[in-house]
Amino acid sequence: MYMLALKHIGRHRLHEKFPDLWEKTKCDLECLLQEFAVCKAVKNGLHRKFIVRALHDHLVPFVCMETVSRIEKALEASHTPVADDVLHVATTKIGAELYKAHVATMQYKQFDLGCQERPKSLEHNDYVEGETKGLSSFQL
């Protein structure tokens, strides 16, 4: 019953037409959708892309479906999806659950990029060349 209501909300964009009501029910419906998607994946052994297709209308109120389709196209082509897309979708409970494996990878890549940028941010200071050389060649 709730899944049909959520499908109707997404299909007719009622979450945009009635934002006050949506804010009151959003959290509960997202938890319900998350449980349903995980249950489908575990019990029926459905792959993530089939769950995303089957629950397209249900996902509309929670995540940007254009972003989800970009992620799915990249994964289908065996490419790494754009980190910002994955991290944006992961801000929702259902998005974090659907792309759990990719979120950790993207967070690590973002951290690694930040580490590579840090020595460059020090270059504007008047350090002697040898002082910054060791920062860029540091390996764990």
Protein backbone atom coordinates (compact mmCIF):
# COMPACT_ATOMS: atom_id res chain seq x y z
CA MET A 1 0.00 0.00 0.00
CA TYR A 2 2.73 2.47 0.98
CA MET A 3 4.83 1.47 -2.03
CA LEU A 4 1.89 2.23 -4.33
CA ALA A 5 1.44 5.59 -2.63
CA LEU A 6 5.15 6.35 -3.04
CA LYS A 7 5.02 5.36 -6.71
CA HIS A 8 2.04 7.70 -7.20
CA ILE A 9 3.88 10.52 -5.40
CA GLY A 10 6.95 10.11 -7.61
CA ARG A 11 5.06 9.67 -10.87
CA HIS A 12 2.93 12.78 -10.38
CA ARG A 13 5.61 14.77 -8.54
CA LEU A 14 3.36 15.36 -5.56
CA HIS A 15 6.41 15.93 -3.37
CA GLU A 16 6.96 19.17 -5.30
CA LYS A 17 3.30 20.20 -5.24
CA PHE A 18 2.86 19.61 -1.49
CA PRO A 19 6.29 20.25 0.11
CA ASP A 20 4.96 20.72 3.66
CA LEU A 21 3.20 17.37 3.67
CA TRP A 22 6.19 15.74 1.98
CA GLU A 23 8.59 16.94 4.67
CA LYS A 24 6.46 15.25 7.33
CA THR A 25 6.36 11.87 5.57
CA LYS A 26 9.68 11.85 3.73
CA CYS A 27 11.80 10.15 6.39
CA ASP A 28 9.35 7.30 7.02
CA LEU A 29 8.78 6.65 3.33
CA GLU A 30 12.50 6.66 2.60
CA CYS A 31 13.11 4.09 5.34
CA LEU A 32 10.30 1.97 3.92
CA LEU A 33 11.76 2.20 0.41
CA GLN A 34 15.22 1.35 1.69
CA GLU A 35 13.92 -1.74 3.51
CA PHE A 36 11.97 -2.79 0.42
CA ALA A 37 14.95 -2.39 -1.92
CA VAL A 38 17.31 -4.27 0.40
CA CYS A 39 14.72 -7.01 0.87
CA LYS A 40 14.33 -7.33 -2.92
CA ALA A 41 18.07 -7.49 -3.39
CA VAL A 42 18.69 -10.06 -0.68
CA LYS A 43 15.62 -12.30 -1.02
CA ASN A 44 15.34 -12.29 -4.79
CA GLY A 45 19.00 -11.76 -5.61
CA LEU A 46 18.21 -8.81 -7.87
CA HIS A 47 21.09 -6.73 -9.17
CA ARG A 48 21.17 -3.02 -8.30
CA LYS A 49 20.41 -1.85 -11.86
CA PHE A 50 17.21 -3.91 -11.96
CA ILE A 51 16.12 -2.50 -8.61
CA VAL A 52 16.76 1.04 -9.87
CA ARG A 53 14.70 0.35 -12.99
CA ALA A 54 11.86 -1.29 -11.08
CA LEU A 55 11.72 1.46 -8.45
CA HIS A 56 12.26 4.42 -10.80
CA ASP A 57 9.04 6.24 -9.86
CA HIS A 58 9.60 5.44 -6.19
CA LEU A 59 13.09 6.99 -6.25
CA VAL A 60 12.07 10.26 -7.93
CA PRO A 61 11.17 12.12 -4.71
CA PHE A 62 14.49 11.25 -3.08
CA VAL A 63 17.25 11.40 -5.70
CA CYS A 64 17.88 13.16 -9.00
CA MET A 65 17.18 10.47 -11.57
CA GLU A 66 19.45 12.16 -14.14
CA THR A 67 22.34 11.67 -11.73
CA VAL A 68 21.33 8.05 -11.13
CA SER A 69 21.15 7.39 -14.88
CA ARG A 70 24.66 8.88 -15.36
CA ILE A 71 25.98 6.59 -12.62
CA GLU A 72 24.22 3.55 -14.09
CA LYS A 73 25.51 4.29 -17.62
CA ALA A 74 29.06 4.62 -16.34
CA LEU A 75 28.81 1.38 -14.36
CA GLU A 76 27.21 -0.43 -17.31
CA ALA A 77 30.12 0.64 -19.52
CA SER A 78 32.58 -0.55 -16.82
CA HIS A 79 33.74 3.01 -16.19
CA THR A 80 34.16 4.70 -12.86
CA PRO A 81 31.20 7.03 -12.22
CA VAL A 82 31.82 10.68 -11.43
CA ALA A 83 32.61 10.98 -7.73
CA ASP A 84 30.37 14.01 -7.22
CA ASP A 85 27.41 12.13 -8.69
CA VAL A 86 27.87 9.14 -6.41
CA LEU A 87 28.44 11.25 -3.32
CA HIS A 88 25.40 13.41 -4.14
CA VAL A 89 23.12 10.37 -4.48
CA ALA A 90 24.61 8.92 -1.31
CA THR A 91 23.31 11.85 0.74
CA THR A 92 19.98 9.99 0.85
CA LYS A 93 19.44 6.74 2.74
CA ILE A 94 18.24 4.86 -0.31
CA GLY A 95 21.06 6.20 -2.50
CA ALA A 96 23.65 5.27 0.10
CA GLU A 97 22.23 1.76 0.29
CA LEU A 98 22.05 1.25 -3.49
CA TYR A 99 25.57 2.51 -4.15
CA LYS A 100 27.21 1.40 -0.91
CA ALA A 101 30.20 -0.25 -2.59
CA HIS A 102 30.90 2.77 -4.78
CA VAL A 103 30.51 5.37 -2.03
CA ALA A 104 33.50 4.06 -0.09
CA THR A 105 35.64 4.06 -3.23
CA MET A 106 34.59 7.61 -4.12
CA GLN A 107 35.25 8.88 -0.60
CA TYR A 108 38.74 7.40 -0.74
CA LYS A 109 39.38 8.98 -4.15
CA GLN A 110 38.19 12.36 -2.87
CA PHE A 111 40.48 12.00 0.15
CA ASP A 112 43.40 11.02 -2.09
CA LEU A 113 42.82 14.04 -4.34
CA GLY A 114 42.74 16.27 -1.29
CA CYS A 115 46.05 14.84 -0.13
CA GLN A 116 47.61 15.48 -3.53
CA GLU A 117 46.38 19.08 -3.53
CA ARG A 118 47.71 19.95 -0.08
CA PRO A 119 51.38 20.34 -1.08
CA LYS A 120 50.31 22.56 -4.00
CA SER A 121 48.45 24.83 -1.59
CA LEU A 122 51.71 25.40 0.28
CA GLU A 123 53.62 26.50 -2.82
CA HIS A 124 52.49 30.11 -2.57
CA ASN A 125 54.46 30.37 0.69
CA ASP A 126 58.13 31.19 0.43
CA TYR A 127 59.54 27.76 1.16
CA VAL A 128 62.90 26.63 -0.06
CA GLU A 129 62.53 24.07 -2.88
CA GLY A 130 63.83 21.17 -0.80
CA GLU A 131 61.27 21.73 1.96
CA THR A 132 58.27 21.00 -0.26
CA LYS A 133 59.90 18.25 -2.33
CA GLY A 134 59.48 15.68 0.44
CA LEU A 135 55.75 16.43 0.76
CA SER A 136 54.91 15.31 -2.76
CA SER A 137 56.99 12.12 -2.68
CA PHE A 138 55.60 10.81 0.63
CA GLN A 139 54.27 7.26 0.27
CA LEU A 140 52.59 4.95 2.78
